[in-house]
Amino acid sequence: MRDPSIAAYPYPDSFELGSLHMAPALVLAPMAGLTDAAFRRVVRRCGGVGLVVSEILPSEGLLKGPRRMEGALKISPDEHPIALQISGARPERMVEAAKMCAGRGADAVDINMGCPASKVTKGFCGAALLRDVGLAARIAGTVVKAASVPVTVKMRLGWSSKEETFLEVARAVVAEGVSGLTLHPRTREQGYSGQASWDAIAKLKAAVSVPVIGNGDVTRPEQALELFRATGCDAVMVGRAAVKNPWIFRQIEELMRTGCYTQPAAQDRYELITAHFQELVETCPPQLALHRMKSFLGKYTAGLPGAVSLRTSLARHRGPGELMEAFREWAANRPAPRQ
């Protein structure tokens, strides 16, 4: 049902990070093991996204094994504008990683100061940087000075509820010249549990002069609009919901413009899955392609009739071709999902 009052609100239709202009004001979040080139292209084809961000790229891994990381650095012509996200705790290594990303065609470099995973924070990377404002500022400043593209920072509220340092860190990195900030308003301690504190995004927006991208708890198009209205943020970032529904950005844009949005048909979904899997087969080693196909298939088919039987059969398939054939057979015998 069309709701004219929704479209009447002055939502931003674009945003800027330094010299980089993006429209719409919607961003695909960086997600480890998910936002590789194949999935970013899927989202681009579905439409409605202004900026896509890569999965996290560790600076040490980029510099010690550039050939091993070649696939992670690959950018296709139809992905722009794109930001590559890097992590690390050594300013000089982060500079080299940023230069490498810009040299591979990244339109922006994003510094990860929010990943809560212990394998990241134990090296004082990711969310651990929120515990050392001085180091966070030095990393941001050295990367900004050396990079030839805009530099942004993605962060959380802080290490824990007793260490909410996001405003202090934000002011420090903005003073060093970063072009924008993304806030996922949970602490490292929370992980992905509990509720995102959208009021913190509003506080950050009021505290800094650069664009602020709001992130967290957007699972439906309506919630993206609620986040814009509640916080005044310059753009909205969507992560896990886009894996289940790559059309969500197009739907958000439609909702902002018209007050309603359309759902993809079952055939659209089946064709998207087939195209995504084919690209994984063509660009990844067989076992990696198989692993990612299984990961995405469970998310893509959630809620579809007969999807449980398909997911329970995944363990039997030992190769990408075998899995692709099983999916095609399953899809050919499925009724259309109820809209």
Protein backbone atom coordinates (compact mmCIF):
# COMPACT_ATOMS: atom_id res chain seq x y z
CA MET A 1 0.00 0.00 0.00
CA ARG A 2 1.32 3.43 -0.96
CA ASP A 3 1.91 5.85 1.93
CA PRO A 4 2.38 9.44 0.61
CA SER A 5 3.53 10.68 4.04
CA ILE A 6 6.66 8.50 3.80
CA ALA A 7 7.84 10.02 0.53
CA ALA A 8 7.12 13.53 1.83
CA TYR A 9 10.08 13.44 4.25
CA PRO A 10 13.26 15.06 2.79
CA TYR A 11 15.48 11.98 2.72
CA PRO A 12 18.97 12.57 1.29
CA ASP A 13 19.22 11.34 -2.29
CA SER A 14 23.03 11.40 -2.35
CA PHE A 15 26.06 12.02 -0.15
CA GLU A 16 29.71 12.93 -0.48
CA LEU A 17 32.91 11.64 1.04
CA GLY A 18 35.50 14.25 0.19
CA SER A 19 35.52 14.52 -3.59
CA LEU A 20 33.54 11.28 -4.03
CA HIS A 21 29.85 11.73 -4.87
CA MET A 22 27.45 8.81 -4.35
CA ALA A 23 23.78 8.31 -5.08
CA PRO A 24 21.55 6.98 -3.61
CA ALA A 25 22.60 7.56 0.02
CA LEU A 26 22.69 3.81 0.69
CA VAL A 27 25.74 1.66 1.43
CA LEU A 28 26.47 -2.07 1.41
CA ALA A 29 28.28 -2.93 4.64
CA PRO A 30 31.62 -4.75 4.77
CA MET A 31 31.07 -8.36 5.91
CA ALA A 32 33.80 -10.95 6.34
CA GLY A 33 33.40 -13.88 3.97
CA LEU A 34 30.44 -12.27 2.23
CA THR A 35 31.13 -8.97 0.48
CA ASP A 36 33.55 -10.31 -2.09
CA ALA A 37 33.49 -9.09 -5.69
CA ALA A 38 30.84 -11.64 -6.72
CA PHE A 39 28.33 -10.55 -4.08
CA ARG A 40 29.06 -6.85 -4.53
CA ARG A 41 28.21 -7.25 -8.21
CA VAL A 42 24.99 -9.05 -7.28
CA VAL A 43 23.96 -6.08 -5.15
CA ARG A 44 24.91 -3.62 -7.89
CA ARG A 45 22.77 -5.50 -10.40
CA CYS A 46 19.79 -5.43 -8.04
CA GLY A 47 20.09 -1.63 -7.93
CA GLY A 48 19.64 1.18 -5.44
CA VAL A 49 23.04 1.16 -3.74
CA GLY A 50 25.30 4.21 -3.80
CA LEU A 51 28.50 2.67 -2.36
CA VAL A 52 29.70 -0.90 -1.81
CA VAL A 53 32.39 -1.84 0.71
CA SER A 54 34.68 -4.86 0.59
CA GLU A 55 35.09 -7.47 3.27
CA ILE A 56 37.80 -6.58 5.80
CA LEU A 57 41.34 -6.77 4.39
CA PRO A 58 44.07 -7.16 7.05
CA SER A 59 47.00 -4.87 6.29
CA GLU A 60 49.54 -7.48 7.36
CA GLY A 61 47.99 -10.06 5.06
CA LEU A 62 47.98 -7.65 2.12
CA LEU A 63 51.64 -6.80 2.55
CA LYS A 64 52.98 -10.24 3.42
CA GLY A 65 51.03 -12.20 0.84
CA PRO A 66 49.76 -9.94 -1.95
CA ARG A 67 49.38 -12.87 -4.37
CA ARG A 68 47.27 -14.78 -1.86
CA MET A 69 45.08 -11.69 -1.42
CA GLU A 70 44.77 -11.03 -5.14
CA GLY A 71 41.14 -12.13 -5.28
CA ALA A 72 40.19 -9.90 -2.35
CA LEU A 73 41.71 -6.87 -4.12
CA LYS A 74 39.92 -7.52 -7.39
CA ILE A 75 37.52 -4.76 -8.41
CA SER A 76 35.22 -5.12 -11.40
CA PRO A 77 34.35 -2.10 -13.58
CA ASP A 78 30.67 -2.28 -12.61
CA GLU A 79 31.35 -2.04 -8.85
CA HIS A 80 32.19 1.66 -8.65
CA PRO A 81 32.06 3.56 -6.46
CA ILE A 82 33.65 1.12 -4.06
CA ALA A 83 35.58 1.38 -0.80
CA LEU A 84 38.10 -1.24 0.27
CA GLN A 85 38.22 -1.70 4.03
CA ILE A 86 41.54 -2.31 5.78
CA SER A 87 42.44 -3.21 9.36
CA GLY A 88 45.63 -3.00 11.35
CA ALA A 89 47.40 -1.49 14.34
CA ARG A 90 50.66 -0.26 12.76
CA PRO A 91 50.32 3.14 11.07
CA GLU A 92 53.14 2.57 8.57
CA ARG A 93 51.67 -0.78 7.46
CA MET A 94 48.21 0.72 7.16
CA VAL A 95 49.64 3.41 4.87
CA GLU A 96 51.12 0.79 2.55
CA ALA A 97 47.87 -1.17 2.55
CA ALA A 98 45.88 1.97 1.73
CA LYS A 99 48.21 2.78 -1.16
CA MET A 100 47.81 -0.75 -2.46
CA CYS A 101 44.00 -0.46 -2.34
CA ALA A 102 43.99 2.89 -4.12
CA GLY A 103 46.36 1.50 -6.70
CA ARG A 104 43.93 -1.32 -7.43
CA GLY A 105 41.16 1.16 -8.18
CA ALA A 106 39.39 1.73 -4.85
CA ASP A 107 37.43 4.99 -4.81
CA ALA A 108 37.83 5.25 -1.03
CA VAL A 109 39.64 3.45 1.80
CA ASP A 110 37.76 2.58 4.98
CA ILE A 111 39.60 1.92 8.25
CA ASN A 112 38.02 -0.76 10.42
CA MET A 113 37.71 0.31 14.05
CA GLY A 114 34.67 -1.78 14.82
CA CYS A 115 35.19 -5.49 14.16
CA PRO A 116 34.44 -7.36 17.43
CA ALA A 117 35.96 -10.72 16.41
CA SER A 118 38.61 -11.89 18.85
CA LYS A 119 40.96 -12.95 16.04
CA VAL A 120 40.97 -9.28 14.96
CA THR A 121 40.97 -7.51 18.33
CA LYS A 122 43.72 -9.66 19.83
CA GLY A 123 46.14 -7.90 17.48
CA PHE A 124 44.81 -4.57 18.75
CA CYS A 125 42.96 -4.09 15.46
CA GLY A 126 39.28 -3.49 14.78
CA ALA A 127 37.26 -2.49 17.85
CA ALA A 128 40.37 -2.69 20.05
CA LEU A 129 41.51 0.64 18.55
CA LEU A 130 38.61 2.31 20.38
CA ARG A 131 40.58 1.73 23.60
CA ASP A 132 43.51 3.86 22.40
CA VAL A 133 42.36 7.21 21.01
CA GLY A 134 45.92 8.31 20.30
CA LEU A 135 46.75 5.26 18.20
CA ALA A 136 43.43 5.48 16.36
CA ALA A 137 44.18 9.10 15.49
CA ARG A 138 47.74 8.33 14.36
CA ILE A 139 46.54 5.57 12.06
CA ALA A 140 43.83 7.77 10.57
CA GLY A 141 46.17 10.72 10.16
CA THR A 142 48.98 8.83 8.47
CA VAL A 143 46.60 7.08 6.09
CA VAL A 144 44.84 10.35 5.20
CA LYS A 145 48.14 12.07 4.44
CA ALA A 146 49.37 9.23 2.22
CA ALA A 147 46.19 8.12 0.45
CA SER A 148 45.15 9.52 -2.91
CA VAL A 149 41.45 8.78 -2.23
CA PRO A 150 39.02 9.74 0.57
CA VAL A 151 39.54 7.91 3.86
CA THR A 152 36.70 6.92 6.18
CA VAL A 153 36.42 5.13 9.52
CA LYS A 154 33.85 2.53 10.61
CA MET A 155 33.48 2.19 14.37
CA ARG A 156 31.36 0.95 17.24
CA LEU A 157 30.31 2.66 20.46
CA GLY A 158 33.38 1.40 22.28
CA TRP A 159 34.91 -1.65 23.86
CA SER A 160 32.14 -2.14 26.43
CA SER A 161 29.30 -0.28 28.09
CA LYS A 162 31.88 1.11 30.54
CA GLU A 163 34.18 2.24 27.71
CA GLU A 164 32.02 4.07 25.18
CA THR A 165 34.68 6.15 23.44
CA PHE A 166 33.06 6.68 20.03
CA LEU A 167 32.66 10.45 20.34
CA GLU A 168 36.24 10.93 21.52
CA VAL A 169 37.63 8.71 18.77
CA ALA A 170 35.38 10.34 16.16
CA ARG A 171 36.53 13.86 17.01
CA ALA A 172 40.17 12.72 16.98
CA VAL A 173 40.03 11.05 13.55
CA VAL A 174 38.00 13.88 12.03
CA ALA A 175 40.68 16.29 13.24
CA GLU A 176 43.16 14.13 11.31
CA GLY A 177 41.19 14.63 8.10
CA VAL A 178 38.95 11.61 7.54
CA SER A 179 36.14 12.30 5.08
CA GLY A 180 33.35 10.38 6.81
CA LEU A 181 32.34 8.07 9.64
CA THR A 182 30.15 5.00 9.94
CA LEU A 183 28.75 4.05 13.33
CA HIS A 184 27.35 0.64 14.26
CA PRO A 185 25.93 1.63 17.64
CA ARG A 186 26.74 -1.47 19.63
CA THR A 187 29.81 -2.09 21.78
CA ARG A 188 32.42 -4.75 21.04
CA GLU A 189 31.10 -6.54 24.14
CA GLN A 190 27.60 -6.74 22.60
CA GLY A 191 28.74 -8.26 19.33
CA TYR A 192 25.51 -8.41 17.33
CA SER A 193 23.21 -8.99 20.31
CA GLY A 194 20.77 -6.59 21.85
CA GLN A 195 19.44 -3.49 20.13
CA ALA A 196 21.45 -0.92 18.20
CA SER A 197 21.39 2.46 19.97
CA TRP A 198 20.30 4.73 17.15
CA ASP A 199 20.37 7.76 19.46
CA ALA A 200 24.18 7.45 19.45
CA ILE A 201 24.17 7.98 15.67
CA ALA A 202 22.25 11.21 16.22
CA LYS A 203 24.79 12.27 18.86
CA LEU A 204 27.65 11.55 16.49
CA LYS A 205 25.97 13.49 13.68
CA ALA A 206 25.65 16.50 15.98
CA ALA A 207 29.27 16.22 17.15
CA VAL A 208 31.20 16.12 13.86
CA SER A 209 31.36 18.09 10.62
CA VAL A 210 31.80 15.15 8.22
CA PRO A 211 29.08 12.86 6.80
CA VAL A 212 27.83 10.16 9.15
CA ILE A 213 26.60 6.80 7.87
CA GLY A 214 24.17 5.01 10.20
CA ASN A 215 24.35 1.23 10.53
CA GLY A 216 22.55 -1.38 12.60
CA ASP A 217 19.19 -3.16 12.87
CA VAL A 218 17.95 -2.32 9.38
CA THR A 219 16.27 -5.53 8.27
CA ARG A 220 13.38 -4.03 6.26
CA PRO A 221 13.13 -1.02 3.95
CA GLU A 222 10.86 0.77 6.42
CA GLN A 223 13.56 0.63 9.08
CA ALA A 224 16.06 2.39 6.84
CA LEU A 225 13.69 5.32 6.57
CA GLU A 226 13.14 5.26 10.32
CA LEU A 227 16.91 5.45 10.81
CA PHE A 228 17.18 8.49 8.53
CA ARG A 229 14.37 10.26 10.40
CA ALA A 230 15.53 9.30 13.89
CA THR A 231 19.18 10.31 13.48
CA GLY A 232 19.54 12.78 10.60
CA CYS A 233 22.36 10.63 9.25
CA ASP A 234 23.70 11.31 5.76
CA ALA A 235 23.44 7.72 4.52
CA VAL A 236 22.28 4.32 5.74
CA MET A 237 24.42 1.18 5.63
CA VAL A 238 22.82 -2.26 5.39
CA GLY A 239 24.67 -5.51 6.01
CA ARG A 240 23.15 -8.86 6.95
CA ALA A 241 19.68 -8.02 5.59
CA ALA A 242 21.20 -7.51 2.13
CA VAL A 243 22.53 -11.07 2.13
CA LYS A 244 18.99 -12.42 2.50
CA ASN A 245 17.52 -9.76 0.25
CA PRO A 246 19.96 -8.13 -2.21
CA TRP A 247 17.05 -6.05 -3.54
CA ILE A 248 16.69 -4.17 -0.24
CA PHE A 249 18.57 -1.10 -1.49
CA ARG A 250 16.33 -0.74 -4.52
CA GLN A 251 13.31 -1.19 -2.24
CA ILE A 252 14.53 1.49 0.17
CA GLU A 253 15.03 3.91 -2.69
CA GLU A 254 11.57 3.14 -4.10
CA LEU A 255 10.02 3.63 -0.67
CA MET A 256 11.70 7.02 -0.24
CA ARG A 257 10.55 8.20 -3.66
CA THR A 258 7.07 6.76 -3.91
CA GLY A 259 5.89 5.55 -0.50
CA CYS A 260 5.85 1.88 -1.56
CA TYR A 261 8.15 -0.79 -3.00
CA THR A 262 8.00 -3.97 -5.05
CA GLN A 263 9.04 -7.51 -4.17
CA PRO A 264 11.17 -9.66 -6.51
CA ALA A 265 9.36 -12.53 -8.18
CA ALA A 266 10.42 -16.09 -7.44
CA GLN A 267 11.97 -16.36 -10.89
CA ASP A 268 14.01 -13.21 -10.23
CA ARG A 269 15.39 -14.81 -7.09
CA TYR A 270 16.25 -18.09 -8.81
CA GLU A 271 17.98 -16.27 -11.67
CA LEU A 272 20.00 -14.15 -9.25
CA ILE A 273 21.16 -17.22 -7.31
CA THR A 274 22.18 -18.98 -10.52
CA ALA A 275 24.12 -15.94 -11.79
CA HIS A 276 25.86 -15.46 -8.43
CA PHE A 277 26.89 -19.09 -8.19
CA GLN A 278 28.13 -19.12 -11.77
CA GLU A 279 30.35 -16.15 -11.01
CA LEU A 280 31.71 -17.85 -7.89
CA VAL A 281 32.57 -20.91 -9.96
CA GLU A 282 34.37 -18.77 -12.52
CA THR A 283 36.34 -16.63 -10.04
CA CYS A 284 37.07 -18.81 -6.97
CA PRO A 285 38.94 -22.08 -6.37
CA PRO A 286 36.40 -24.95 -6.36
CA GLN A 287 36.33 -25.55 -2.60
CA LEU A 288 36.01 -21.85 -1.78
CA ALA A 289 33.26 -21.52 -4.40
CA LEU A 290 31.43 -24.49 -2.85
CA HIS A 291 31.77 -23.08 0.68
CA ARG A 292 30.42 -19.68 -0.32
CA MET A 293 27.62 -21.18 -2.41
CA LYS A 294 26.44 -23.17 0.60
CA SER A 295 26.63 -20.10 2.86
CA PHE A 296 24.61 -17.93 0.50
CA LEU A 297 22.10 -20.59 -0.48
CA GLY A 298 20.84 -20.93 3.08
CA LYS A 299 20.31 -17.18 3.31
CA TYR A 300 18.91 -16.62 -0.18
CA THR A 301 16.25 -19.32 0.20
CA ALA A 302 15.14 -18.52 3.76
CA GLY A 303 11.36 -18.44 3.83
CA LEU A 304 10.86 -20.00 0.40
CA PRO A 305 8.58 -23.05 0.14
CA GLY A 306 10.59 -26.27 0.40
CA ALA A 307 13.80 -24.47 1.37
CA VAL A 308 14.35 -26.61 4.47
CA SER A 309 14.70 -29.76 2.39
CA LEU A 310 17.22 -28.04 0.14
CA ARG A 311 19.33 -26.81 3.04
CA THR A 312 19.37 -30.21 4.74
CA SER A 313 20.81 -31.72 1.56
CA LEU A 314 23.74 -29.28 1.27
CA ALA A 315 26.24 -31.47 3.14
CA ARG A 316 25.94 -34.18 0.47
CA HIS A 317 27.27 -32.01 -2.34
CA ARG A 318 31.04 -32.21 -2.83
CA GLY A 319 31.55 -29.84 -5.76
CA PRO A 320 30.15 -26.54 -7.12
CA GLY A 321 28.73 -28.19 -10.25
CA GLU A 322 26.90 -30.79 -8.22
CA LEU A 323 25.42 -28.15 -5.93
CA MET A 324 24.40 -25.98 -8.87
CA GLU A 325 22.59 -28.90 -10.50
CA ALA A 326 20.81 -29.76 -7.25
CA PHE A 327 19.64 -26.17 -6.90
CA ARG A 328 18.38 -25.98 -10.47
CA GLU A 329 16.42 -29.20 -10.01
CA TRP A 330 14.95 -27.93 -6.75
CA ALA A 331 14.04 -24.52 -8.25
CA ALA A 332 12.35 -26.11 -11.24
CA ASN A 333 9.90 -27.90 -8.93
CA ARG A 334 9.12 -25.07 -6.51
CA PRO A 335 5.87 -23.14 -6.41
CA ALA A 336 6.15 -19.36 -6.36
CA PRO A 337 6.46 -17.94 -2.82
CA ARG A 338 3.56 -15.94 -1.52
CA GLN A 339 4.18 -12.21 -1.82
